[in-house]
Protein backbone atom coordinates (compact mmCIF):
# COMPACT_ATOMS: atom_id res chain seq x y z
CA UNK A 1 -115.74 -50.21 -90.13
CA UNK A 2 -115.74 -46.72 -91.64
CA UNK A 3 -114.55 -46.08 -95.19
CA UNK A 4 -113.10 -42.77 -96.31
CA UNK A 5 -113.91 -41.61 -99.76
CA UNK A 6 -110.55 -40.65 -101.23
CA UNK A 7 -112.25 -38.80 -103.97
CA UNK A 8 -113.76 -36.40 -101.39
CA UNK A 9 -110.33 -35.25 -100.13
CA UNK A 10 -109.12 -32.94 -102.82
CA UNK A 11 -106.19 -30.58 -103.03
CA UNK A 12 -106.88 -26.83 -103.38
CA UNK A 13 -107.30 -25.76 -106.92
CA UNK A 14 -104.59 -23.53 -108.34
CA UNK A 15 -105.61 -19.95 -109.03
CA UNK A 16 -106.79 -19.12 -112.49
CA UNK A 17 -104.17 -18.56 -115.13
CA UNK A 18 -104.86 -14.81 -115.42
CA UNK A 19 -104.12 -14.29 -111.67
CA UNK A 20 -100.79 -16.15 -111.94
CA UNK A 21 -99.84 -14.02 -114.89
CA UNK A 22 -100.58 -10.82 -112.93
CA UNK A 23 -98.37 -11.88 -110.00
CA UNK A 24 -95.47 -12.62 -112.32
CA UNK A 25 -95.93 -9.27 -114.01
CA UNK A 26 -95.83 -7.45 -110.67
CA UNK A 27 -92.61 -9.18 -109.64
CA UNK A 28 -91.01 -8.33 -112.95
CA UNK A 29 -91.97 -4.70 -112.46
CA UNK A 30 -90.04 -4.32 -109.17
CA UNK A 31 -86.56 -2.78 -109.60
CA UNK A 32 -83.65 -5.08 -108.66
CA UNK A 33 -80.51 -3.20 -107.55
CA UNK A 34 -77.24 -4.75 -108.67
CA UNK A 35 -74.82 -5.79 -105.88
CA UNK A 36 -72.18 -3.34 -107.12
CA UNK A 37 -74.64 -0.45 -106.84
CA UNK A 38 -75.58 -1.42 -103.25
CA UNK A 39 -71.89 -1.55 -102.27
CA UNK A 40 -71.31 1.85 -103.84
CA UNK A 41 -74.20 3.39 -101.89
CA UNK A 42 -72.88 1.95 -98.59
CA UNK A 43 -69.35 3.23 -99.33
CA UNK A 44 -70.71 6.68 -100.18
CA UNK A 45 -72.59 6.89 -96.87
CA UNK A 46 -69.52 5.81 -94.90
CA UNK A 47 -67.28 8.26 -96.76
CA UNK A 48 -69.28 11.16 -95.36
CA UNK A 49 -68.02 10.35 -91.84
CA UNK A 50 -64.47 9.27 -92.69
CA UNK A 51 -62.88 12.71 -93.15
CA UNK A 52 -64.04 13.84 -89.71
CA UNK A 53 -62.46 10.80 -88.06
CA UNK A 54 -59.21 11.33 -89.91
CA UNK A 55 -59.20 15.00 -89.02
CA UNK A 56 -59.69 14.15 -85.35
CA UNK A 57 -56.79 11.71 -85.37
CA UNK A 58 -54.56 14.23 -87.11
CA UNK A 59 -55.47 16.92 -84.61
CA UNK A 60 -54.71 14.60 -81.71
CA UNK A 61 -51.30 13.77 -83.13
CA UNK A 62 -50.53 17.44 -83.68
CA UNK A 63 -51.60 18.34 -80.17
CA UNK A 64 -49.25 15.82 -78.54
CA UNK A 65 -46.74 17.90 -76.58
CA UNK A 66 -43.07 17.49 -77.40
CA UNK A 67 -40.77 16.40 -74.61
CA UNK A 68 -38.60 19.13 -73.16
CA UNK A 69 -35.03 18.80 -71.93
CA UNK A 70 -33.24 20.20 -68.84
CA UNK A 71 -32.56 23.88 -69.45
CA UNK A 72 -30.39 26.54 -67.89
CA UNK A 73 -31.65 29.90 -66.67
CA UNK A 74 -31.59 31.34 -70.19
CA UNK A 75 -33.65 28.47 -71.63
CA UNK A 76 -30.78 26.73 -73.43
CA UNK A 77 -30.20 22.99 -73.24
CA UNK A 78 -27.33 21.99 -70.93
CA UNK A 79 -25.02 19.46 -72.58
CA UNK A 80 -24.49 16.24 -70.64
CA UNK A 81 -21.98 13.37 -70.87
CA UNK A 82 -23.11 10.81 -73.43
CA UNK A 83 -24.75 13.41 -75.68
CA UNK A 84 -23.85 13.40 -79.36
CA UNK A 85 -23.48 16.81 -81.01
CA UNK A 86 -23.39 17.47 -84.75
CA UNK A 87 -20.96 20.28 -85.62
CA UNK A 88 -21.18 21.81 -89.09
CA UNK A 89 -18.88 24.47 -90.52
CA UNK A 90 -20.27 26.06 -93.69
CA UNK A 91 -18.23 25.31 -96.82
CA UNK A 92 -15.79 23.22 -94.79
CA UNK A 93 -16.74 19.60 -95.36
CA UNK A 94 -13.69 18.37 -93.46
CA UNK A 95 -14.92 20.20 -90.39
CA UNK A 96 -18.34 18.59 -90.24
CA UNK A 97 -19.17 15.59 -88.08
CA UNK A 98 -20.56 14.16 -84.88
CA UNK A 99 -18.88 14.72 -81.53
CA UNK A 100 -19.44 12.59 -78.41
CA UNK A 101 -19.39 14.31 -75.02
CA UNK A 102 -17.14 12.25 -72.75
CA UNK A 103 -17.96 11.32 -69.13
CA UNK A 104 -15.70 14.18 -67.96
CA UNK A 105 -17.76 16.66 -70.05
CA UNK A 106 -14.91 16.96 -72.52
CA UNK A 107 -15.19 16.87 -76.31
CA UNK A 108 -12.71 17.22 -79.15
CA UNK A 109 -13.00 18.81 -82.59
CA UNK A 110 -10.46 19.38 -85.40
CA UNK A 111 -8.58 22.71 -85.22
CA UNK A 112 -10.43 23.45 -81.98
CA UNK A 113 -8.91 20.93 -79.64
CA UNK A 114 -10.53 19.94 -76.36
CA UNK A 115 -13.54 21.79 -74.99
CA UNK A 116 -15.14 21.58 -71.56
CA UNK A 117 -18.93 21.32 -71.93
CA UNK A 118 -19.69 21.33 -68.21
CA UNK A 119 -22.55 23.72 -67.46
CA UNK A 120 -22.66 24.98 -71.05
CA UNK A 121 -25.49 25.11 -73.53
CA UNK A 122 -25.34 24.04 -77.16
CA UNK A 123 -25.22 27.67 -78.26
CA UNK A 124 -22.37 28.50 -75.86
CA UNK A 125 -20.35 25.65 -77.33
CA UNK A 126 -21.10 26.95 -80.82
CA UNK A 127 -19.75 30.37 -79.86
CA UNK A 128 -16.61 28.86 -78.37
CA UNK A 129 -15.95 26.69 -81.42
CA UNK A 130 -16.49 29.69 -83.69
CA UNK A 131 -14.03 31.81 -81.69
CA UNK A 132 -11.31 29.16 -81.90
CA UNK A 133 -11.83 28.54 -85.61
CA UNK A 134 -11.33 32.24 -86.44
CA UNK A 135 -7.58 31.62 -86.01
CA UNK A 136 -7.66 29.44 -89.13
CA UNK A 137 -10.84 30.36 -91.05
CA UNK A 138 -12.03 33.93 -91.65
CA UNK A 139 -15.60 34.49 -90.45
CA UNK A 140 -16.54 30.81 -89.94
CA UNK A 141 -20.24 29.95 -89.88
CA UNK A 142 -20.69 27.20 -87.31
CA UNK A 143 -23.79 25.22 -86.44
CA UNK A 144 -24.03 22.91 -83.42
CA UNK A 145 -27.05 20.67 -82.89
CA UNK A 146 -27.86 17.97 -80.35
CA UNK A 147 -28.17 14.79 -82.39
CA UNK A 148 -28.67 12.35 -79.51
CA UNK A 149 -29.52 13.33 -75.96
CA UNK A 150 -28.36 10.31 -73.96
CA UNK A 151 -26.80 11.84 -70.87
CA UNK A 152 -29.88 12.94 -68.92
CA UNK A 153 -30.56 10.07 -66.54
CA UNK A 154 -31.40 9.67 -62.87
CA UNK A 155 -31.25 6.56 -60.71
CA UNK A 156 -33.73 5.25 -58.15
CA UNK A 157 -32.46 2.39 -55.99
CA UNK A 158 -33.41 0.58 -52.81
CA UNK A 159 -36.87 -0.41 -51.63
CA UNK A 160 -38.95 0.66 -54.62
CA UNK A 161 -41.05 -1.43 -56.97
CA UNK A 162 -38.93 -0.80 -60.07
CA UNK A 163 -35.39 0.32 -59.20
CA UNK A 164 -33.19 1.37 -62.07
CA UNK A 165 -32.07 4.10 -64.43
CA UNK A 166 -34.62 6.56 -65.80
CA UNK A 167 -34.16 9.11 -68.61
CA UNK A 168 -35.13 12.70 -67.87
CA UNK A 169 -37.15 14.11 -70.74
CA UNK A 170 -38.19 17.06 -68.54
CA UNK A 171 -37.66 18.41 -65.03
CA UNK A 172 -38.26 15.62 -62.49
CA UNK A 173 -38.46 16.15 -58.73
CA UNK A 174 -38.05 13.52 -55.99
CA UNK A 175 -41.74 12.65 -55.70
CA UNK A 176 -41.99 12.21 -59.44
CA UNK A 177 -38.89 10.01 -59.48
CA UNK A 178 -40.47 7.76 -56.85
CA UNK A 179 -43.57 7.55 -59.00
CA UNK A 180 -41.48 6.55 -62.03
CA UNK A 181 -40.03 3.73 -59.93
CA UNK A 182 -43.50 2.44 -59.08
CA UNK A 183 -43.53 3.76 -55.53
CA UNK A 184 -41.95 2.39 -52.38
CA UNK A 185 -42.31 -1.15 -51.07
CA UNK A 186 -44.24 -1.78 -47.82
CA UNK A 187 -41.14 -1.88 -45.60
CA UNK A 188 -39.37 1.19 -47.00
CA UNK A 189 -38.16 3.84 -44.57
CA UNK A 190 -39.90 6.75 -46.27
CA UNK A 191 -38.54 9.39 -43.90
CA UNK A 192 -34.92 8.37 -44.46
CA UNK A 193 -34.72 8.81 -48.24
CA UNK A 194 -31.53 10.49 -49.48
CA UNK A 195 -30.41 11.95 -52.81
CA UNK A 196 -26.79 11.49 -53.80
CA UNK A 197 -25.49 14.30 -56.03
CA UNK A 198 -22.02 14.47 -57.50
CA UNK A 199 -20.50 17.93 -57.90
CA UNK A 200 -17.09 19.05 -59.11
CA UNK A 201 -15.97 19.44 -55.48
CA UNK A 202 -17.27 16.01 -54.47
CA UNK A 203 -20.48 14.23 -53.57
CA UNK A 204 -23.19 15.71 -51.39
CA UNK A 205 -26.23 14.18 -49.67
CA UNK A 206 -29.73 15.69 -49.71
CA UNK A 207 -32.28 14.32 -47.25
CA UNK A 208 -35.94 13.75 -48.06
CA UNK A 209 -38.81 12.98 -45.67
CA UNK A 210 -41.67 11.56 -47.70
CA UNK A 211 -44.40 11.87 -45.08
CA UNK A 212 -43.78 15.57 -44.55
CA UNK A 213 -43.85 16.37 -48.28
CA UNK A 214 -46.94 14.20 -48.76
CA UNK A 215 -48.71 16.37 -46.16
CA UNK A 216 -47.64 19.54 -47.97
CA UNK A 217 -44.92 20.42 -45.45
CA UNK A 218 -41.23 21.20 -46.03
CA UNK A 219 -41.74 21.26 -49.79
CA UNK A 220 -38.20 22.58 -50.26
CA UNK A 221 -37.07 18.98 -49.81
CA UNK A 222 -38.80 18.02 -53.06
CA UNK A 223 -35.92 19.31 -55.17
CA UNK A 224 -35.68 19.05 -58.94
CA UNK A 225 -33.21 16.29 -59.69
CA UNK A 226 -30.13 16.86 -61.78
CA UNK A 227 -28.70 14.44 -64.35
CA UNK A 228 -26.78 11.74 -62.54
CA UNK A 229 -28.63 12.10 -59.21
CA UNK A 230 -29.34 8.88 -57.31
CA UNK A 231 -32.42 8.57 -55.11
CA UNK A 232 -31.85 5.97 -52.36
CA UNK A 233 -34.87 4.52 -50.56
CA UNK A 234 -33.62 2.47 -47.57
């Protein structure tokens, strides 16, 4: 049997008192930054990059192009049924208000009577209203503005992915209209597409062969659609 002398196993002796005092003194000498100061330094560093990010976002928003509307040859907006026009006559509060363009392109205004807006721009309507008001008001100052443009729609029906009514915020041709509708379904007759267009003299039919236009041929078929046109994909 072997006996272990417990007196021989000793714990390490602690360092002398003067060494412990030196270590404490060194720790006390190190600077301790308050939490508030650390947060302030982090916020300051981040603030140097923040203005650039904000400037980039502002520039992107400014650069977003505004949607255009169907125009006539002179660049004026053509009024459509369903549009709401705001007519203002200077110093004549009773002759200021909103006017709805009816489905027959007609509109009514006090002292002016009925007007036909078919094929007319906002400025042409302003001139016509001004001319009629001169019978009752000397030198009237008239302003006409489009408050709500709700009449510019086309329709895509038949064998397309998303048939329905689509607003025209710009010029849209047949190929673009098919794209808005999600393209044709697998069994669509792409060479038998027709466009129904209603004119004052009646309705006409325009034919469209998709395969030819897709190959860059007979591009005259890819007409710019007019408000109210219906693209039929059989």
